Amino acid sequence: MAVKMRLTRVGKKKKPFYRVVVCDSRVPRQGRYLDLVGTYDPLKEPSEIKLDHDKIRTWLSKGVQPTVTVKRLLRITGFYSEPKEDSVNAQSEV
């Protein structure tokens, strides 16, 4: 079972609000989830991101893969930083 950390949309038409959830990758976007780890409100200025860092740390240690969007939200909050590999240096070492 592949487990992902992704966004699920809630809210009204033209007023999006997202929950950051951990769920099986085969479940539909609005389907069941294993754990709610945060929320994201893009309509506020600036965007409001609330995350439970303890839960996220626990799930990431278990091997959960965040989607590209969730990874971006984690970087914005300063929780997730991935070292950027320089492609030129990686090729020259081979």
Foldseek 3Di string as FASTA:
>chain_A
DAKAFEWAWDDDVVFTKIWTFIADPVADRNGDGDDTFWIWGVVDVNTDTGGNLVVVVVVVVVPHHYDPVVLVVCVVVVNDDDDDDDPVVVVVVD
